C-alpha atoms as a PDB file:
ATOM      1  CA  MET A   1      69.321 102.155  75.716  1.00  0.00           C
ATOM      2  CA  LYS A   2      67.069  99.503  77.252  1.00  0.00           C
ATOM      3  CA  LYS A   3      70.076  97.261  77.854  1.00  0.00           C
ATOM      4  CA  ILE A   4      71.913 100.062  79.669  1.00  0.00           C
ATOM      5  CA  PHE A   5      68.878 100.797  81.827  1.00  0.00           C
ATOM      6  CA  LEU A   6      68.385  97.099  82.636  1.00  0.00           C
ATOM      7  CA  SER A   7      72.038  96.646  83.565  1.00  0.00           C
ATOM      8  CA  THR A   8      71.916  99.691  85.814  1.00  0.00           C
ATOM      9  CA  LEU A   9      68.732  98.451  87.486  1.00  0.00           C
ATOM     10  CA  ILE A  10      70.234  95.008  88.126  1.00  0.00           C
ATOM     11  CA  PHE A  11      73.319  96.621  89.646  1.00  0.00           C
ATOM     12  CA  ILE A  12      71.217  98.802  91.950  1.00  0.00           C
ATOM     13  CA  LEU A  13      69.049  95.900  93.086  1.00  0.00           C
ATOM     14  CA  THR A  14      72.062  93.672  93.677  1.00  0.00           C
ATOM     15  CA  PHE A  15      73.962  96.309  95.609  1.00  0.00           C
ATOM     16  CA  SER A  16      70.965  97.406  97.649  1.00  0.00           C
ATOM     17  CA  ILE A  17      71.082  94.431 100.015  1.00  0.00           C
ATOM     18  CA  PHE A  18      74.465  95.674 101.200  1.00  0.00           C
ATOM     19  CA  VAL A  19      73.472  99.301 101.818  1.00  0.00           C
ATOM     20  CA  LEU A  20      74.212  99.746 105.495  1.00  0.00           C
ATOM     21  CA  PRO A  21      71.872 101.713 107.760  1.00  0.00           C
ATOM     22  CA  VAL A  22      73.429 104.409 109.914  1.00  0.00           C
ATOM     23  CA  GLY A  23      74.089 103.012 113.384  1.00  0.00           C
ATOM     24  CA  ALA A  24      73.303  99.462 112.285  1.00  0.00           C
ATOM     25  CA  VAL A  25      74.559  97.862 115.507  1.00  0.00           C
ATOM     26  CA  GLY A  26      71.770  95.937 117.176  1.00  0.00           C
ATOM     27  CA  GLN A  27      69.124  96.944 114.677  1.00  0.00           C
ATOM     28  CA  GLY A  28      66.311  94.497 114.091  1.00  0.00           C
ATOM     29  CA  PRO A  29      63.549  94.641 113.778  1.00  0.00           C
ATOM     30  CA  ASN A  30      63.296  92.449 116.840  1.00  0.00           C
ATOM     31  CA  TYR A  31      60.609  89.809 117.021  1.00  0.00           C
ATOM     32  CA  ASN A  32      57.717  90.809 119.296  1.00  0.00           C
ATOM     33  CA  GLY A  33      55.280  88.017 118.451  1.00  0.00           C
ATOM     34  CA  ASN A  34      53.152  89.563 115.733  1.00  0.00           C
ATOM     35  CA  GLU A  35      55.534  89.953 112.804  1.00  0.00           C
ATOM     36  CA  THR A  36      55.735  87.822 109.684  1.00  0.00           C
ATOM     37  CA  ILE A  37      59.210  86.416 109.142  1.00  0.00           C
ATOM     38  CA  LYS A  38      59.990  86.235 105.437  1.00  0.00           C
ATOM     39  CA  ASN A  39      62.940  84.243 104.162  1.00  0.00           C
ATOM     40  CA  GLU A  40      61.976  84.083 100.495  1.00  0.00           C
ATOM     41  CA  ARG A  41      64.960  86.176  99.401  1.00  0.00           C
ATOM     42  CA  LEU A  42      67.443  83.764 100.954  1.00  0.00           C
ATOM     43  CA  THR A  43      69.156  81.305  98.631  1.00  0.00           C
ATOM     44  CA  SER A  44      67.425  77.954  98.158  1.00  0.00           C
ATOM     45  CA  ASN A  45      69.344  74.680  97.972  1.00  0.00           C
ATOM     46  CA  GLU A  46      68.737  74.533  94.236  1.00  0.00           C
ATOM     47  CA  ASP A  47      69.987  78.078  93.659  1.00  0.00           C
ATOM     48  CA  LEU A  48      72.994  77.498  95.896  1.00  0.00           C
ATOM     49  CA  MET A  49      74.099  74.578  93.749  1.00  0.00           C
ATOM     50  CA  LYS A  50      73.575  76.629  90.594  1.00  0.00           C
ATOM     51  CA  GLN A  51      75.667  79.457  91.999  1.00  0.00           C
ATOM     52  CA  VAL A  52      78.630  77.311  93.024  1.00  0.00           C
ATOM     53  CA  GLU A  53      78.503  75.407  89.728  1.00  0.00           C
ATOM     54  CA  ARG A  54      78.505  78.724  87.867  1.00  0.00           C
ATOM     55  CA  ALA A  55      81.486  79.931  89.891  1.00  0.00           C
ATOM     56  CA  ALA A  56      83.457  76.773  89.096  1.00  0.00           C
ATOM     57  CA  ASP A  57      82.599  77.026  85.394  1.00  0.00           C
ATOM     58  CA  ARG A  58      83.565  80.690  85.284  1.00  0.00           C
ATOM     59  CA  SER A  59      86.841  80.607  87.205  1.00  0.00           C
ATOM     60  CA  GLU A  60      90.113  78.936  86.341  1.00  0.00           C
ATOM     61  CA  PHE A  61      90.942  78.917  90.062  1.00  0.00           C
ATOM     62  CA  ILE A  62      87.767  77.340  91.495  1.00  0.00           C
ATOM     63  CA  GLU A  63      86.893  73.655  91.711  1.00  0.00           C
ATOM     64  CA  LEU A  64      83.617  72.183  92.943  1.00  0.00           C
ATOM     65  CA  GLU A  65      83.570  68.892  94.800  1.00  0.00           C
ATOM     66  CA  ILE A  66      80.561  67.028  96.190  1.00  0.00           C
ATOM     67  CA  ILE A  67      81.708  65.626  99.530  1.00  0.00           C
ATOM     68  CA  GLY A  68      78.557  63.655 100.364  1.00  0.00           C
ATOM     69  CA  GLN A  69      74.818  63.836 100.801  1.00  0.00           C
ATOM     70  CA  SER A  70      72.513  64.888 103.601  1.00  0.00           C
ATOM     71  CA  VAL A  71      70.017  62.613 105.369  1.00  0.00           C
ATOM     72  CA  LYS A  72      67.479  63.473 102.653  1.00  0.00           C
ATOM     73  CA  GLY A  73      69.982  62.940  99.847  1.00  0.00           C
ATOM     74  CA  ARG A  74      70.865  66.571  99.068  1.00  0.00           C
ATOM     75  CA  ASP A  75      74.388  67.235  97.806  1.00  0.00           C
ATOM     76  CA  LEU A  76      76.959  68.785 100.125  1.00  0.00           C
ATOM     77  CA  PRO A  77      79.303  70.990  98.065  1.00  0.00           C
ATOM     78  CA  LEU A  78      82.899  71.940  98.787  1.00  0.00           C
ATOM     79  CA  VAL A  79      84.102  74.997  96.858  1.00  0.00           C
ATOM     80  CA  LYS A  80      87.887  75.214  96.490  1.00  0.00           C
ATOM     81  CA  PHE A  81      89.609  78.408  95.369  1.00  0.00           C
ATOM     82  CA  GLY A  82      93.216  77.395  94.848  1.00  0.00           C
ATOM     83  CA  ASN A  83      94.509  73.965  95.787  1.00  0.00           C
ATOM     84  CA  ASN A  84      98.254  74.325  96.169  1.00  0.00           C
ATOM     85  CA  PRO A  85      99.419  72.213  99.149  1.00  0.00           C
ATOM     86  CA  ASP A  86     102.371  74.585  99.614  1.00  0.00           C
ATOM     87  CA  ASN A  87     100.013  77.474 100.395  1.00  0.00           C
ATOM     88  CA  PRO A  88      98.116  78.095 103.633  1.00  0.00           C
ATOM     89  CA  THR A  89      94.463  77.042 103.517  1.00  0.00           C
ATOM     90  CA  ILE A  90      91.438  78.589 105.212  1.00  0.00           C
ATOM     91  CA  LEU A  91      88.052  76.877 105.343  1.00  0.00           C
ATOM     92  CA  PHE A  92      84.807  78.775 105.875  1.00  0.00           C
ATOM     93  CA  LEU A  93      82.137  76.461 107.300  1.00  0.00           C
ATOM     94  CA  THR A  94      78.548  77.694 107.294  1.00  0.00           C
ATOM     95  CA  GLN A  95      75.096  76.470 108.229  1.00  0.00           C
ATOM     96  CA  GLN A  96      75.763  73.507 110.427  1.00  0.00           C
ATOM     97  CA  HIS A  97      72.442  74.732 111.776  1.00  0.00           C
ATOM     98  CA  GLY A  98      69.829  75.115 109.069  1.00  0.00           C
ATOM     99  CA  ASN A  99      68.196  78.191 110.606  1.00  0.00           C
ATOM    100  CA  GLU A 100      71.458  80.189 110.527  1.00  0.00           C
ATOM    101  CA  GLN A 101      71.361  81.333 106.942  1.00  0.00           C
ATOM    102  CA  LEU A 102      72.890  84.782 106.466  1.00  0.00           C
ATOM    103  CA  VAL A 103      76.428  83.445 106.850  1.00  0.00           C
ATOM    104  CA  THR A 104      75.787  81.273 103.801  1.00  0.00           C
ATOM    105  CA  GLU A 105      74.615  84.335 101.872  1.00  0.00           C
ATOM    106  CA  ALA A 106      77.910  86.018 102.785  1.00  0.00           C
ATOM    107  CA  ALA A 107      79.926  82.981 101.687  1.00  0.00           C
ATOM    108  CA  LEU A 108      78.153  82.886  98.320  1.00  0.00           C
ATOM    109  CA  HIS A 109      78.914  86.560  97.787  1.00  0.00           C
ATOM    110  CA  VAL A 110      82.623  85.966  98.492  1.00  0.00           C
ATOM    111  CA  ILE A 111      82.666  82.915  96.193  1.00  0.00           C
ATOM    112  CA  LYS A 112      81.157  85.013  93.417  1.00  0.00           C
ATOM    113  CA  GLY A 113      83.858  87.642  93.896  1.00  0.00           C
ATOM    114  CA  LEU A 114      86.609  85.018  93.779  1.00  0.00           C
ATOM    115  CA  SER A 115      85.194  83.575  90.543  1.00  0.00           C
ATOM    116  CA  ASN A 116      86.310  86.645  88.614  1.00  0.00           C
ATOM    117  CA  ASN A 117      89.545  85.907  86.752  1.00  0.00           C
ATOM    118  CA  ASN A 118      91.031  89.312  87.544  1.00  0.00           C
ATOM    119  CA  LYS A 119      94.568  90.198  88.577  1.00  0.00           C
ATOM    120  CA  HIS A 120      93.766  90.345  92.290  1.00  0.00           C
ATOM    121  CA  ASN A 121      92.295  86.844  92.282  1.00  0.00           C
ATOM    122  CA  GLN A 122      95.223  85.547  90.254  1.00  0.00           C
ATOM    123  CA  GLU A 123      97.564  86.880  92.929  1.00  0.00           C
ATOM    124  CA  LEU A 124      95.435  85.387  95.698  1.00  0.00           C
ATOM    125  CA  ALA A 125      95.446  81.975  94.029  1.00  0.00           C
ATOM    126  CA  ASP A 126      99.247  82.066  94.092  1.00  0.00           C
ATOM    127  CA  GLN A 127      99.288  82.786  97.821  1.00  0.00           C
ATOM    128  CA  VAL A 128      96.359  81.114  99.571  1.00  0.00           C
ATOM    129  CA  ASN A 129      93.757  78.348  99.264  1.00  0.00           C
ATOM    130  CA  VAL A 130      90.227  79.340 100.230  1.00  0.00           C
ATOM    131  CA  PHE A 131      87.727  76.534 100.814  1.00  0.00           C
ATOM    132  CA  PHE A 132      84.016  76.823 101.546  1.00  0.00           C
ATOM    133  CA  VAL A 133      81.479  74.330 102.841  1.00  0.00           C
ATOM    134  CA  PRO A 134      78.643  76.778 102.235  1.00  0.00           C
ATOM    135  CA  ARG A 135      75.771  74.756 103.679  1.00  0.00           C
ATOM    136  CA  LEU A 136      76.366  71.646 105.757  1.00  0.00           C
ATOM    137  CA  ASN A 137      72.696  71.237 106.701  1.00  0.00           C
ATOM    138  CA  PRO A 138      70.587  71.643 103.534  1.00  0.00           C
ATOM    139  CA  ASP A 139      67.636  69.672 104.960  1.00  0.00           C
ATOM    140  CA  GLY A 140      67.340  71.915 107.998  1.00  0.00           C
ATOM    141  CA  ALA A 141      67.741  74.960 105.764  1.00  0.00           C
ATOM    142  CA  VAL A 142      64.345  74.239 104.196  1.00  0.00           C
ATOM    143  CA  GLY A 143      62.654  72.564 107.162  1.00  0.00           C
ATOM    144  CA  ASP A 144      62.553  69.170 105.440  1.00  0.00           C
ATOM    145  CA  VAL A 145      62.857  67.170 108.656  1.00  0.00           C
ATOM    146  CA  ASP A 146      61.376  64.090 110.328  1.00  0.00           C
ATOM    147  CA  PHE A 147      60.244  65.694 113.571  1.00  0.00           C
ATOM    148  CA  ASP A 148      57.556  68.114 114.703  1.00  0.00           C
ATOM    149  CA  ILE A 149      58.285  71.769 113.943  1.00  0.00           C
ATOM    150  CA  SER A 150      54.825  73.168 114.591  1.00  0.00           C
ATOM    151  CA  ASN A 151      56.207  75.265 117.456  1.00  0.00           C
ATOM    152  CA  HIS A 152      58.617  77.182 115.188  1.00  0.00           C
ATOM    153  CA  LEU A 153      57.567  80.821 115.099  1.00  0.00           C
ATOM    154  CA  ALA A 154      58.242  81.309 111.383  1.00  0.00           C
ATOM    155  CA  GLY A 155      56.260  78.205 110.495  1.00  0.00           C
ATOM    156  CA  GLY A 156      59.114  75.738 110.261  1.00  0.00           C
ATOM    157  CA  GLN A 157      60.839  77.450 107.346  1.00  0.00           C
ATOM    158  CA  SER A 158      64.161  76.211 108.737  1.00  0.00           C
ATOM    159  CA  THR A 159      65.454  74.201 111.690  1.00  0.00           C
ATOM    160  CA  ARG A 160      68.574  74.044 113.805  1.00  0.00           C
ATOM    161  CA  ALA A 161      68.841  70.249 113.612  1.00  0.00           C
ATOM    162  CA  ASN A 162      69.312  68.096 110.530  1.00  0.00           C
ATOM    163  CA  ALA A 163      66.494  65.961 109.123  1.00  0.00           C
ATOM    164  CA  ALA A 164      67.079  63.235 111.711  1.00  0.00           C
ATOM    165  CA  GLY A 165      66.821  65.711 114.574  1.00  0.00           C
ATOM    166  CA  PHE A 166      70.532  65.882 115.415  1.00  0.00           C
ATOM    167  CA  ASP A 167      72.559  69.000 116.159  1.00  0.00           C
ATOM    168  CA  LEU A 168      75.485  68.662 113.758  1.00  0.00           C
ATOM    169  CA  ASN A 169      77.679  70.829 115.960  1.00  0.00           C
ATOM    170  CA  ARG A 170      77.454  68.220 118.701  1.00  0.00           C
ATOM    171  CA  ASP A 171      78.440  65.337 116.412  1.00  0.00           C
ATOM    172  CA  HIS A 172      82.137  66.028 115.798  1.00  0.00           C
ATOM    173  CA  ASN A 173      83.255  63.047 117.876  1.00  0.00           C
ATOM    174  CA  THR A 174      80.821  60.304 116.908  1.00  0.00           C
ATOM    175  CA  LEU A 175      80.282  61.409 113.272  1.00  0.00           C
ATOM    176  CA  ALA A 176      76.973  59.565 113.367  1.00  0.00           C
ATOM    177  CA  GLN A 177      75.313  61.883 110.847  1.00  0.00           C
ATOM    178  CA  PRO A 178      76.131  61.782 107.126  1.00  0.00           C
ATOM    179  CA  GLU A 179      76.804  65.516 107.034  1.00  0.00           C
ATOM    180  CA  THR A 180      79.480  65.527 109.740  1.00  0.00           C
ATOM    181  CA  TYR A 181      80.915  62.256 108.431  1.00  0.00           C
ATOM    182  CA  ALA A 182      81.352  63.841 104.997  1.00  0.00           C
ATOM    183  CA  LEU A 183      82.959  66.963 106.466  1.00  0.00           C
ATOM    184  CA  HIS A 184      85.526  65.018 108.445  1.00  0.00           C
ATOM    185  CA  HIS A 185      86.342  62.236 106.007  1.00  0.00           C
ATOM    186  CA  ASN A 186      86.239  64.166 102.739  1.00  0.00           C
ATOM    187  CA  VAL A 187      87.459  67.608 103.806  1.00  0.00           C
ATOM    188  CA  LEU A 188      89.253  67.745 107.157  1.00  0.00           C
ATOM    189  CA  ARG A 189      91.098  64.449 106.629  1.00  0.00           C
ATOM    190  CA  ALA A 190      91.548  64.887 102.895  1.00  0.00           C
ATOM    191  CA  TYR A 191      93.139  68.349 102.937  1.00  0.00           C
ATOM    192  CA  ASP A 192      95.659  70.181 105.078  1.00  0.00           C
ATOM    193  CA  ILE A 193      93.541  72.956 106.610  1.00  0.00           C
ATOM    194  CA  ASP A 194      95.402  75.668 108.544  1.00  0.00           C
ATOM    195  CA  TYR A 195      92.534  77.960 109.535  1.00  0.00           C
ATOM    196  CA  LEU A 196      88.805  77.383 109.898  1.00  0.00           C
ATOM    197  CA  VAL A 197      86.007  79.828 110.643  1.00  0.00           C
ATOM    198  CA  ASP A 198      82.898  78.135 111.985  1.00  0.00           C
ATOM    199  CA  PHE A 199      80.086  80.588 111.246  1.00  0.00           C
ATOM    200  CA  HIS A 200      76.856  80.478 113.240  1.00  0.00           C
ATOM    201  CA  HIS A 201      73.987  82.688 114.349  1.00  0.00           C
ATOM    202  CA  GLN A 202      73.219  83.382 117.987  1.00  0.00           C
ATOM    203  CA  GLY A 203      70.185  84.864 119.729  1.00  0.00           C
ATOM    204  CA  ALA A 204      69.036  88.400 119.018  1.00  0.00           C
ATOM    205  CA  ARG A 205      69.272  89.703 122.598  1.00  0.00           C
ATOM    206  CA  SER A 206      72.994  89.562 123.423  1.00  0.00           C
ATOM    207  CA  ALA A 207      74.540  92.856 124.474  1.00  0.00           C
ATOM    208  CA  ILE A 208      77.589  94.655 125.835  1.00  0.00           C
ATOM    209  CA  ASN A 209      76.908  97.474 128.287  1.00  0.00           C
ATOM    210  CA  ASP A 210      73.220  97.296 127.371  1.00  0.00           C
ATOM    211  CA  GLN A 211      74.010  97.741 123.644  1.00  0.00           C
ATOM    212  CA  LEU A 212      72.870  94.890 121.420  1.00  0.00           C
ATOM    213  CA  VAL A 213      75.748  93.287 119.534  1.00  0.00           C
ATOM    214  CA  SER A 214      75.889  92.325 115.873  1.00  0.00           C
ATOM    215  CA  GLY A 215      77.789  89.148 116.674  1.00  0.00           C
ATOM    216  CA  SER A 216      80.453  87.467 118.782  1.00  0.00           C
ATOM    217  CA  ILE A 217      83.692  85.530 118.385  1.00  0.00           C
ATOM    218  CA  LEU A 218      85.735  82.968 120.326  1.00  0.00           C
ATOM    219  CA  TYR A 219      88.881  80.867 119.902  1.00  0.00           C
ATOM    220  CA  PRO A 220      89.296  77.211 121.070  1.00  0.00           C
ATOM    221  CA  THR A 221      89.043  76.917 124.856  1.00  0.00           C
ATOM    222  CA  ASN A 222      89.677  73.192 125.337  1.00  0.00           C
ATOM    223  CA  SER A 223      92.801  72.667 127.438  1.00  0.00           C
ATOM    224  CA  GLY A 224      94.070  69.956 125.085  1.00  0.00           C
ATOM    225  CA  VAL A 225      94.442  72.314 122.106  1.00  0.00           C
ATOM    226  CA  LYS A 226      98.076  73.201 121.434  1.00  0.00           C
ATOM    227  CA  PRO A 227      99.053  76.732 122.535  1.00  0.00           C
ATOM    228  CA  GLU A 228     100.329  77.653 119.079  1.00  0.00           C
ATOM    229  CA  VAL A 229      96.988  76.608 117.561  1.00  0.00           C
ATOM    230  CA  VAL A 230      95.142  78.783 120.075  1.00  0.00           C
ATOM    231  CA  GLU A 231      97.445  81.719 119.320  1.00  0.00           C
ATOM    232  CA  MET A 232      96.856  81.444 115.572  1.00  0.00           C
ATOM    233  CA  SER A 233      93.122  81.229 116.250  1.00  0.00           C
ATOM    234  CA  LYS A 234      93.339  84.427 118.274  1.00  0.00           C
ATOM    235  CA  GLN A 235      95.230  86.097 115.421  1.00  0.00           C
ATOM    236  CA  LEU A 236      92.475  85.106 113.006  1.00  0.00           C
ATOM    237  CA  GLY A 237      89.950  86.605 115.414  1.00  0.00           C
ATOM    238  CA  LYS A 238      91.905  89.852 115.577  1.00  0.00           C
ATOM    239  CA  ILE A 239      91.887  90.226 111.800  1.00  0.00           C
ATOM    240  CA  MET A 240      88.160  89.597 111.491  1.00  0.00           C
ATOM    241  CA  TYR A 241      87.296  91.719 114.542  1.00  0.00           C
ATOM    242  CA  ASP A 242      89.206  94.700 113.165  1.00  0.00           C
ATOM    243  CA  ALA A 243      87.525  94.358 109.777  1.00  0.00           C
ATOM    244  CA  VAL A 244      84.098  94.734 111.394  1.00  0.00           C
ATOM    245  CA  GLU A 245      85.211  97.374 113.893  1.00  0.00           C
ATOM    246  CA  ASP A 246      86.764  99.545 111.182  1.00  0.00           C
ATOM    247  CA  ARG A 247      83.478  99.753 109.279  1.00  0.00           C
ATOM    248  CA  GLY A 248      81.700 101.213 112.287  1.00  0.00           C
ATOM    249  CA  PHE A 249      78.328  99.511 111.879  1.00  0.00           C
ATOM    250  CA  GLY A 250      78.987  96.362 113.911  1.00  0.00           C
ATOM    251  CA  LEU A 251      79.728  95.516 117.519  1.00  0.00           C
ATOM    252  CA  LEU A 252      81.300  92.169 118.359  1.00  0.00           C
ATOM    253  CA  GLY A 253      81.424  90.655 121.815  1.00  0.00           C
ATOM    254  CA  LYS A 254      83.249  87.665 123.220  1.00  0.00           C
ATOM    255  CA  TYR A 255      81.171  84.502 123.055  1.00  0.00           C
ATOM    256  CA  ASN A 256      80.704  82.769 126.380  1.00  0.00           C
ATOM    257  CA  GLY A 257      81.480  79.235 125.192  1.00  0.00           C
ATOM    258  CA  GLY A 258      82.465  75.971 126.854  1.00  0.00           C
ATOM    259  CA  SER A 259      85.351  73.575 126.378  1.00  0.00           C
ATOM    260  CA  ALA A 260      83.604  70.467 124.960  1.00  0.00           C
ATOM    261  CA  ASN A 261      85.276  68.764 122.003  1.00  0.00           C
ATOM    262  CA  THR A 262      81.951  67.773 120.469  1.00  0.00           C
ATOM    263  CA  ILE A 263      81.681  71.271 118.934  1.00  0.00           C
ATOM    264  CA  ALA A 264      83.725  72.357 115.936  1.00  0.00           C
ATOM    265  CA  ARG A 265      85.539  75.244 117.623  1.00  0.00           C
ATOM    266  CA  ASN A 266      87.220  72.910 120.094  1.00  0.00           C
ATOM    267  CA  GLY A 267      87.042  69.499 118.461  1.00  0.00           C
ATOM    268  CA  LEU A 268      88.594  70.423 115.133  1.00  0.00           C
ATOM    269  CA  ALA A 269      91.390  72.382 116.782  1.00  0.00           C
ATOM    270  CA  TYR A 270      92.118  69.465 119.100  1.00  0.00           C
ATOM    271  CA  GLU A 271      91.907  66.634 116.559  1.00  0.00           C
ATOM    272  CA  TYR A 272      93.432  68.275 113.481  1.00  0.00           C
ATOM    273  CA  ASP A 273      95.511  71.162 114.903  1.00  0.00           C
ATOM    274  CA  ILE A 274      93.398  73.577 112.859  1.00  0.00           C
ATOM    275  CA  SER A 275      93.337  77.151 114.113  1.00  0.00           C
ATOM    276  CA  THR A 276      89.610  77.600 114.549  1.00  0.00           C
ATOM    277  CA  LEU A 277      87.456  80.641 115.189  1.00  0.00           C
ATOM    278  CA  LEU A 278      83.786  80.687 116.107  1.00  0.00           C
ATOM    279  CA  PHE A 279      81.957  83.646 114.551  1.00  0.00           C
ATOM    280  CA  GLU A 280      78.342  84.112 115.617  1.00  0.00           C
ATOM    281  CA  MET A 281      76.011  86.506 113.778  1.00  0.00           C
ATOM    282  CA  ARG A 282      72.991  88.089 115.437  1.00  0.00           C
ATOM    283  CA  GLY A 283      69.566  86.471 115.040  1.00  0.00           C
ATOM    284  CA  MET A 284      68.130  83.378 113.339  1.00  0.00           C
ATOM    285  CA  SER A 285      65.586  82.834 110.582  1.00  0.00           C
ATOM    286  CA  ASP A 286      63.266  80.494 112.536  1.00  0.00           C
ATOM    287  CA  HIS A 287      63.133  79.042 116.041  1.00  0.00           C
ATOM    288  CA  PRO A 288      60.642  78.239 118.819  1.00  0.00           C
ATOM    289  CA  ASN A 289      62.222  80.938 121.045  1.00  0.00           C
ATOM    290  CA  PRO A 290      61.249  84.539 120.155  1.00  0.00           C
ATOM    291  CA  ASN A 291      64.505  85.855 121.646  1.00  0.00           C
ATOM    292  CA  THR A 292      66.474  84.245 118.809  1.00  0.00           C
ATOM    293  CA  ILE A 293      64.562  85.517 115.783  1.00  0.00           C
ATOM    294  CA  LEU A 294      65.482  88.703 113.961  1.00  0.00           C
ATOM    295  CA  GLY A 295      63.461  90.430 111.279  1.00  0.00           C
ATOM    296  CA  GLN A 296      64.717  90.400 107.735  1.00  0.00           C
ATOM    297  CA  LYS A 297      65.341  94.167 107.557  1.00  0.00           C
ATOM    298  CA  SER A 298      68.731  93.578 109.185  1.00  0.00           C
ATOM    299  CA  ASN A 299      69.831  90.991 106.615  1.00  0.00           C
ATOM    300  CA  GLY A 300      71.882  93.407 104.510  1.00  0.00           C
ATOM    301  CA  TYR A 301      74.312  94.608 107.131  1.00  0.00           C
ATOM    302  CA  LEU A 302      74.690  91.172 108.726  1.00  0.00           C
ATOM    303  CA  ILE A 303      75.529  89.632 105.350  1.00  0.00           C
ATOM    304  CA  GLN A 304      78.007  92.429 104.752  1.00  0.00           C
ATOM    305  CA  GLN A 305      79.549  91.791 108.176  1.00  0.00           C
ATOM    306  CA  GLY A 306      80.235  88.255 107.028  1.00  0.00           C
ATOM    307  CA  VAL A 307      81.612  89.354 103.668  1.00  0.00           C
ATOM    308  CA  ILE A 308      84.083  91.920 104.959  1.00  0.00           C
ATOM    309  CA  SER A 309      85.357  89.633 107.728  1.00  0.00           C
ATOM    310  CA  MET A 310      85.872  86.728 105.301  1.00  0.00           C
ATOM    311  CA  GLU A 311      87.674  88.913 102.791  1.00  0.00           C
ATOM    312  CA  ALA A 312      89.881  90.399 105.503  1.00  0.00           C
ATOM    313  CA  ALA A 313      90.904  86.926 106.672  1.00  0.00           C
ATOM    314  CA  ILE A 314      91.711  85.826 103.128  1.00  0.00           C
ATOM    315  CA  ASP A 315      93.852  88.893 102.430  1.00  0.00           C
ATOM    316  CA  ALA A 316      95.712  88.678 105.758  1.00  0.00           C
ATOM    317  CA  ILE A 317      96.591  85.021 105.259  1.00  0.00           C
ATOM    318  CA  ALA A 318      97.605  85.651 101.653  1.00  0.00           C
ATOM    319  CA  ASP A 319     100.034  88.488 102.451  1.00  0.00           C
ATOM    320  CA  GLY A 320     101.193  87.037 105.770  1.00  0.00           C
ATOM    321  CA  SER A 321     100.046  90.005 107.858  1.00  0.00           C
ATOM    322  CA  ILE A 322      97.990  87.656 110.026  1.00  0.00           C
ATOM    323  CA  ASN A 323     101.253  86.536 111.607  1.00  0.00           C
ATOM    324  CA  GLU A 324     101.744  90.035 113.031  1.00  0.00           C
ATOM    325  CA  ALA A 325      98.235  90.364 114.490  1.00  0.00           C
ATOM    326  CA  ASP A 326      98.264  91.528 118.128  1.00  0.00           C
ATOM    327  CA  THR A 327      96.118  89.150 120.155  1.00  0.00           C
ATOM    328  CA  SER A 328      96.141  91.203 123.361  1.00  0.00           C
ATOM    329  CA  PHE A 329      92.729  92.643 122.436  1.00  0.00           C
ATOM    330  CA  TRP A 330      91.204  89.366 123.629  1.00  0.00           C
ATOM    331  CA  ASP A 331      92.187  90.310 127.193  1.00  0.00           C
ATOM    332  CA  THR A 332      89.801  93.264 127.167  1.00  0.00           C
ATOM    333  CA  LEU A 333      87.119  92.060 124.753  1.00  0.00           C
ATOM    334  CA  GLU A 334      83.924  92.040 126.793  1.00  0.00           C
ATOM    335  CA  VAL A 335      81.807  88.936 127.128  1.00  0.00           C
ATOM    336  CA  GLN A 336      78.298  89.483 125.803  1.00  0.00           C
ATOM    337  CA  ARG A 337      75.327  89.088 128.127  1.00  0.00           C
ATOM    338  CA  PHE A 338      71.633  88.489 127.555  1.00  0.00           C
ATOM    339  CA  LYS A 339      69.574  91.675 127.486  1.00  0.00           C
ATOM    340  CA  PRO A 340      65.949  91.251 128.595  1.00  0.00           C
ATOM    341  CA  GLN A 341      63.308  92.262 126.102  1.00  0.00           C
ATOM    342  CA  GLU A 342      61.682  95.626 126.653  1.00  0.00           C
ATOM    343  CA  GLU A 343      57.909  95.577 126.934  1.00  0.00           C
ATOM    344  CA  ALA A 344      57.513  97.883 123.961  1.00  0.00           C
ATOM    345  CA  GLU A 345      60.097  98.216 121.226  1.00  0.00           C
ATOM    346  CA  VAL A 346      60.024 100.462 118.196  1.00  0.00           C
ATOM    347  CA  GLU A 347      61.576  99.194 114.995  1.00  0.00           C
END
């Protein structure tokens, strides 16, 4: 009887982080300067490695590869579900910025689901390869850096830059940092990647028609990217947009991004002909700017937004339905704009 009760309790606690509040779009709580930001429930570097190792041990379809080390010597894992070169491959890249952590939580949840040797996963493994770089910036994820972070509002729990103070998403040309070097040399140049989703977190005050968004998306906008690569990127965006839209708790805008090849969205599409989508989630875990931080009460639905969009992309690539995705929605998708902070907000 005790075992049954314990199992039920564990299930409830595990599932509870994905219970979605009614009207979750734009919920916070927003940061007003006097809240305590708690990130203790987010996965540590040590627990992340344990989770991906456990997934590889459990599944006959998952392999774990260490592609390099961070500035501080932390391992950079690559999780590979399926590795058939005849199948299309999608790569989910998370946490180039250490303070953008919920996308990694979503990736770990999807990896755990794929580690089950059930019939659905067996069918997926015959149709698609799904790769994850679940945390490219482990030093920034824990604030173990060689620069001053005393101005971070959550106490320096995590940082955008890596330990050496570099923005990894501006290093895709020079590859001067060990993290980006490992990604390019041991993943992008070692495997034939067809699709890539570059997950990030944006500020907490972006809105459409005065309604705060839960995230934003954008395809490659560099003029040198091949048109067919851009079209496939737009198709990937359509699949993931619809997955969020259909659930009714999210609102995605169009990210107002530039054309520089130093960022993954443009650079990887240009250099490797990878169909690449930027997916930005709302809010960060720590930052000097209060307009970027979001309270932890919104973690559940933002993680779930990542999970359902990842799973939708995997399924659409596996069954080929992505090739029929109508990209005309991009013509009317509204660009998000910054919404000024109200003087008094109620959580």
